[in-house]
N, C-alpha and C. Protein backbone atom coordinates (compact mmCIF):
# COMPACT_ATOMS: atom_id res chain seq x y z
N MET A 1 1.45 11.75 -5.70
CA MET A 1 1.92 10.55 -5.08
C MET A 1 3.38 10.74 -4.67
N LYS A 2 3.73 10.20 -3.49
CA LYS A 2 5.09 10.37 -3.00
C LYS A 2 5.58 9.07 -2.37
N SER A 3 6.86 8.99 -2.12
CA SER A 3 7.45 7.81 -1.50
C SER A 3 6.82 7.56 -0.14
N GLY A 4 6.52 6.31 0.15
CA GLY A 4 5.91 5.94 1.42
C GLY A 4 4.40 5.82 1.34
N ASP A 5 3.79 6.22 0.23
CA ASP A 5 2.34 6.13 0.08
C ASP A 5 1.90 4.68 -0.12
N LEU A 6 0.75 4.35 0.43
CA LEU A 6 0.14 3.05 0.26
C LEU A 6 -0.75 3.10 -0.97
N VAL A 7 -0.62 2.10 -1.87
CA VAL A 7 -1.40 2.07 -3.11
C VAL A 7 -1.94 0.66 -3.35
N ILE A 8 -2.96 0.58 -4.21
CA ILE A 8 -3.50 -0.71 -4.64
C ILE A 8 -3.26 -0.83 -6.12
N SER A 9 -2.76 -1.98 -6.55
CA SER A 9 -2.51 -2.23 -7.96
C SER A 9 -3.82 -2.49 -8.68
N LEU A 10 -3.99 -1.84 -9.84
CA LEU A 10 -5.20 -1.99 -10.63
C LEU A 10 -5.00 -2.89 -11.85
N ALA A 11 -3.75 -3.17 -12.22
CA ALA A 11 -3.49 -3.96 -13.42
C ALA A 11 -2.20 -4.75 -13.26
N GLY A 12 -2.11 -5.82 -14.03
CA GLY A 12 -0.90 -6.65 -14.02
C GLY A 12 -1.05 -7.87 -13.14
N ARG A 13 0.03 -8.60 -13.00
CA ARG A 13 0.03 -9.82 -12.18
C ARG A 13 -0.30 -9.54 -10.72
N ASP A 14 0.04 -8.35 -10.28
CA ASP A 14 -0.17 -7.98 -8.88
C ASP A 14 -1.49 -7.24 -8.67
N LYS A 15 -2.44 -7.38 -9.58
CA LYS A 15 -3.73 -6.69 -9.49
C LYS A 15 -4.41 -6.99 -8.15
N GLY A 16 -4.87 -5.93 -7.48
CA GLY A 16 -5.55 -6.08 -6.20
C GLY A 16 -4.61 -6.12 -5.01
N ARG A 17 -3.34 -6.16 -5.24
CA ARG A 17 -2.36 -6.24 -4.17
C ARG A 17 -2.06 -4.86 -3.59
N ILE A 18 -1.84 -4.81 -2.30
CA ILE A 18 -1.50 -3.56 -1.63
C ILE A 18 0.02 -3.41 -1.66
N LEU A 19 0.48 -2.25 -2.11
CA LEU A 19 1.90 -1.99 -2.27
C LEU A 19 2.26 -0.64 -1.65
N VAL A 20 3.56 -0.40 -1.49
CA VAL A 20 4.05 0.88 -0.98
C VAL A 20 4.95 1.48 -2.05
N VAL A 21 4.76 2.78 -2.31
CA VAL A 21 5.62 3.49 -3.27
C VAL A 21 6.98 3.68 -2.62
N THR A 22 8.03 3.16 -3.27
CA THR A 22 9.38 3.31 -2.73
C THR A 22 10.13 4.47 -3.36
N GLN A 23 9.75 4.81 -4.60
CA GLN A 23 10.42 5.92 -5.28
C GLN A 23 9.52 6.44 -6.40
N VAL A 24 9.48 7.74 -6.56
CA VAL A 24 8.78 8.34 -7.69
C VAL A 24 9.81 8.59 -8.78
N VAL A 25 9.65 7.91 -9.92
CA VAL A 25 10.61 8.04 -11.01
C VAL A 25 10.33 9.32 -11.79
N ASP A 26 9.09 9.49 -12.23
CA ASP A 26 8.65 10.72 -12.89
C ASP A 26 7.13 10.78 -12.78
N ASP A 27 6.49 11.63 -13.57
CA ASP A 27 5.04 11.78 -13.48
C ASP A 27 4.28 10.51 -13.87
N ALA A 28 4.88 9.69 -14.72
CA ALA A 28 4.18 8.52 -15.24
C ALA A 28 4.56 7.21 -14.55
N PHE A 29 5.67 7.16 -13.83
CA PHE A 29 6.15 5.91 -13.25
C PHE A 29 6.56 6.05 -11.79
N VAL A 30 6.34 4.97 -11.03
CA VAL A 30 6.82 4.87 -9.65
C VAL A 30 7.37 3.46 -9.43
N ASN A 31 8.22 3.31 -8.44
CA ASN A 31 8.68 2.00 -8.02
C ASN A 31 7.86 1.59 -6.80
N VAL A 32 7.38 0.34 -6.77
CA VAL A 32 6.57 -0.14 -5.66
C VAL A 32 7.12 -1.47 -5.13
N ALA A 33 6.82 -1.73 -3.86
CA ALA A 33 7.25 -2.98 -3.22
C ALA A 33 6.21 -3.38 -2.19
N ASP A 34 6.18 -4.68 -1.86
CA ASP A 34 5.27 -5.15 -0.81
C ASP A 34 6.02 -5.80 0.35
N GLY A 35 7.34 -5.91 0.24
CA GLY A 35 8.15 -6.46 1.33
C GLY A 35 8.23 -7.98 1.35
N LYS A 36 7.42 -8.66 0.54
CA LYS A 36 7.44 -10.13 0.47
C LYS A 36 7.84 -10.57 -0.93
N VAL A 37 6.89 -10.52 -1.85
CA VAL A 37 7.15 -10.94 -3.23
C VAL A 37 8.03 -9.91 -3.93
N ARG A 38 7.65 -8.65 -3.82
CA ARG A 38 8.43 -7.54 -4.37
C ARG A 38 9.14 -6.87 -3.23
N ARG A 39 10.42 -7.12 -3.11
CA ARG A 39 11.19 -6.61 -1.99
C ARG A 39 11.69 -5.20 -2.29
N ALA A 40 12.07 -4.49 -1.24
CA ALA A 40 12.52 -3.11 -1.38
C ALA A 40 13.82 -3.02 -2.20
N GLU A 41 14.62 -4.07 -2.19
CA GLU A 41 15.87 -4.06 -2.94
C GLU A 41 15.64 -4.14 -4.44
N LYS A 42 14.51 -4.74 -4.85
CA LYS A 42 14.21 -4.90 -6.27
C LYS A 42 12.74 -4.54 -6.51
N PRO A 43 12.40 -3.25 -6.41
CA PRO A 43 11.00 -2.84 -6.56
C PRO A 43 10.52 -2.96 -8.00
N LYS A 44 9.20 -2.99 -8.16
CA LYS A 44 8.59 -3.08 -9.49
C LYS A 44 8.32 -1.68 -10.02
N LEU A 45 8.68 -1.46 -11.28
CA LEU A 45 8.36 -0.21 -11.94
C LEU A 45 6.92 -0.30 -12.42
N LYS A 46 6.10 0.64 -12.00
CA LYS A 46 4.67 0.59 -12.29
C LYS A 46 4.21 1.95 -12.81
N LYS A 47 3.32 1.94 -13.81
CA LYS A 47 2.74 3.18 -14.29
C LYS A 47 1.76 3.70 -13.25
N THR A 48 1.73 5.01 -13.10
CA THR A 48 0.84 5.60 -12.10
C THR A 48 -0.62 5.39 -12.46
N LYS A 49 -0.95 5.21 -13.73
CA LYS A 49 -2.34 4.97 -14.09
C LYS A 49 -2.79 3.56 -13.72
N HIS A 50 -1.84 2.69 -13.35
CA HIS A 50 -2.17 1.32 -12.97
C HIS A 50 -2.22 1.11 -11.47
N ILE A 51 -2.15 2.20 -10.70
CA ILE A 51 -2.26 2.11 -9.24
C ILE A 51 -3.23 3.17 -8.74
N ARG A 52 -3.79 2.92 -7.55
CA ARG A 52 -4.72 3.87 -6.93
C ARG A 52 -4.27 4.08 -5.49
N PRO A 53 -4.13 5.34 -5.06
CA PRO A 53 -3.73 5.59 -3.67
C PRO A 53 -4.80 5.13 -2.68
N VAL A 54 -4.36 4.63 -1.55
CA VAL A 54 -5.27 4.22 -0.48
C VAL A 54 -5.54 5.44 0.38
N THR A 55 -6.82 5.74 0.59
CA THR A 55 -7.16 6.92 1.38
C THR A 55 -8.15 6.60 2.50
N ASP A 56 -8.65 5.37 2.54
CA ASP A 56 -9.74 5.04 3.48
C ASP A 56 -9.26 4.41 4.78
N CYS A 57 -8.18 4.94 5.35
CA CYS A 57 -7.74 4.43 6.65
C CYS A 57 -7.09 5.54 7.46
N ASP A 58 -6.69 5.21 8.67
CA ASP A 58 -6.09 6.15 9.60
C ASP A 58 -4.82 6.76 9.01
N LYS A 59 -4.66 8.05 9.15
CA LYS A 59 -3.49 8.76 8.61
C LYS A 59 -2.17 8.24 9.18
N ARG A 60 -2.18 7.78 10.43
CA ARG A 60 -0.94 7.28 11.03
C ARG A 60 -0.43 6.04 10.30
N ILE A 61 -1.34 5.24 9.78
CA ILE A 61 -0.95 4.04 9.03
C ILE A 61 -0.36 4.45 7.69
N LEU A 62 -0.94 5.47 7.07
CA LEU A 62 -0.49 5.88 5.74
C LEU A 62 0.86 6.56 5.75
N GLU A 63 1.26 7.12 6.88
CA GLU A 63 2.52 7.87 6.94
C GLU A 63 3.67 6.94 7.30
N LEU A 64 4.61 6.81 6.37
CA LEU A 64 5.81 6.03 6.61
C LEU A 64 6.99 6.85 6.11
N PRO A 65 7.93 7.19 7.01
CA PRO A 65 9.07 8.00 6.58
C PRO A 65 9.87 7.30 5.49
N VAL A 66 10.39 8.05 4.57
CA VAL A 66 11.13 7.50 3.44
C VAL A 66 12.35 6.70 3.89
N GLU A 67 13.00 7.15 4.95
CA GLU A 67 14.19 6.43 5.43
C GLU A 67 13.84 5.08 6.07
N LYS A 68 12.56 4.82 6.33
CA LYS A 68 12.13 3.56 6.93
C LYS A 68 11.52 2.61 5.91
N LEU A 69 11.88 2.73 4.65
CA LEU A 69 11.32 1.86 3.63
C LEU A 69 12.10 0.54 3.54
N THR A 70 12.13 -0.18 4.65
CA THR A 70 12.73 -1.50 4.67
C THR A 70 11.62 -2.53 4.45
N ASN A 71 12.00 -3.75 4.10
CA ASN A 71 10.99 -4.78 3.86
C ASN A 71 10.12 -5.00 5.09
N ARG A 72 10.72 -4.99 6.25
CA ARG A 72 9.97 -5.21 7.49
C ARG A 72 8.94 -4.09 7.71
N CYS A 73 9.38 -2.85 7.56
CA CYS A 73 8.46 -1.71 7.76
C CYS A 73 7.35 -1.70 6.73
N ILE A 74 7.67 -2.08 5.50
CA ILE A 74 6.65 -2.14 4.44
C ILE A 74 5.61 -3.20 4.79
N ARG A 75 6.06 -4.38 5.21
CA ARG A 75 5.12 -5.46 5.58
C ARG A 75 4.26 -5.04 6.76
N GLU A 76 4.86 -4.38 7.76
CA GLU A 76 4.10 -3.94 8.93
C GLU A 76 3.05 -2.90 8.55
N LYS A 77 3.39 -1.99 7.66
CA LYS A 77 2.46 -0.96 7.22
C LYS A 77 1.28 -1.59 6.48
N ILE A 78 1.55 -2.52 5.58
CA ILE A 78 0.49 -3.20 4.83
C ILE A 78 -0.37 -4.02 5.78
N SER A 79 0.25 -4.69 6.73
CA SER A 79 -0.49 -5.49 7.70
C SER A 79 -1.39 -4.61 8.57
N ALA A 80 -0.89 -3.47 9.01
CA ALA A 80 -1.70 -2.55 9.81
C ALA A 80 -2.90 -2.05 9.02
N TYR A 81 -2.71 -1.79 7.74
CA TYR A 81 -3.82 -1.33 6.90
C TYR A 81 -4.87 -2.43 6.75
N THR A 82 -4.45 -3.67 6.46
CA THR A 82 -5.42 -4.74 6.27
C THR A 82 -6.16 -5.06 7.56
N GLU A 83 -5.46 -4.98 8.71
CA GLU A 83 -6.12 -5.22 10.00
C GLU A 83 -7.16 -4.14 10.29
N SER A 84 -6.83 -2.88 10.02
CA SER A 84 -7.79 -1.81 10.26
C SER A 84 -8.98 -1.94 9.32
N LYS A 85 -8.74 -2.38 8.11
CA LYS A 85 -9.82 -2.59 7.14
C LYS A 85 -10.73 -3.73 7.60
N ASP A 86 -10.14 -4.82 8.13
CA ASP A 86 -10.92 -5.96 8.63
C ASP A 86 -11.78 -5.55 9.83
N LYS A 87 -11.22 -4.74 10.73
CA LYS A 87 -11.98 -4.29 11.90
C LYS A 87 -13.16 -3.44 11.47
N THR A 88 -12.95 -2.58 10.49
CA THR A 88 -14.03 -1.74 9.98
C THR A 88 -15.13 -2.60 9.37
N ALA A 89 -14.75 -3.62 8.63
CA ALA A 89 -15.74 -4.51 8.01
C ALA A 89 -16.52 -5.27 9.08
N ASP A 90 -15.86 -5.69 10.17
CA ASP A 90 -16.54 -6.39 11.26
C ASP A 90 -17.57 -5.49 11.93
N VAL A 91 -17.23 -4.23 12.14
CA VAL A 91 -18.16 -3.28 12.77
C VAL A 91 -19.38 -3.06 11.87
N ILE A 92 -19.14 -2.92 10.59
CA ILE A 92 -20.26 -2.71 9.65
C ILE A 92 -21.17 -3.92 9.62
N GLN A 93 -20.60 -5.12 9.62
CA GLN A 93 -21.42 -6.35 9.62
C GLN A 93 -22.22 -6.47 10.90
N ALA A 94 -21.62 -6.09 12.04
CA ALA A 94 -22.32 -6.16 13.32
C ALA A 94 -23.52 -5.19 13.33
N LYS A 95 -23.33 -4.01 12.76
CA LYS A 95 -24.42 -3.03 12.72
C LYS A 95 -25.54 -3.50 11.79
N GLU A 96 -25.18 -4.19 10.72
CA GLU A 96 -26.20 -4.67 9.78
C GLU A 96 -27.04 -5.78 10.39
N LYS A 97 -26.45 -6.57 11.30
CA LYS A 97 -27.18 -7.67 11.94
C LYS A 97 -28.19 -7.15 12.96
N GLU A 98 -27.94 -5.96 13.50
CA GLU A 98 -28.82 -5.42 14.53
C GLU A 98 -30.14 -4.97 13.99
């Protein structure tokens, strides 16, 4: 896991929330933010066993340069991921109806 990666929280108050890794502290901990509730200025320290990397979307969405880890860029990245996920779900539902 590295800075700029998109992850999903598996435990805690933010369970199920999509977050971005802002800093890797060590092998066991990372700092994460979502740009709204958890801002880049005050990221949450999270154990790596309590998050799961997102891998099921376009690589361009997953790549965010470390120098662009601003609240706005984090929100845009998360929004792009959720929109692409919604479009995929719509296509699958349309195929199931046929």
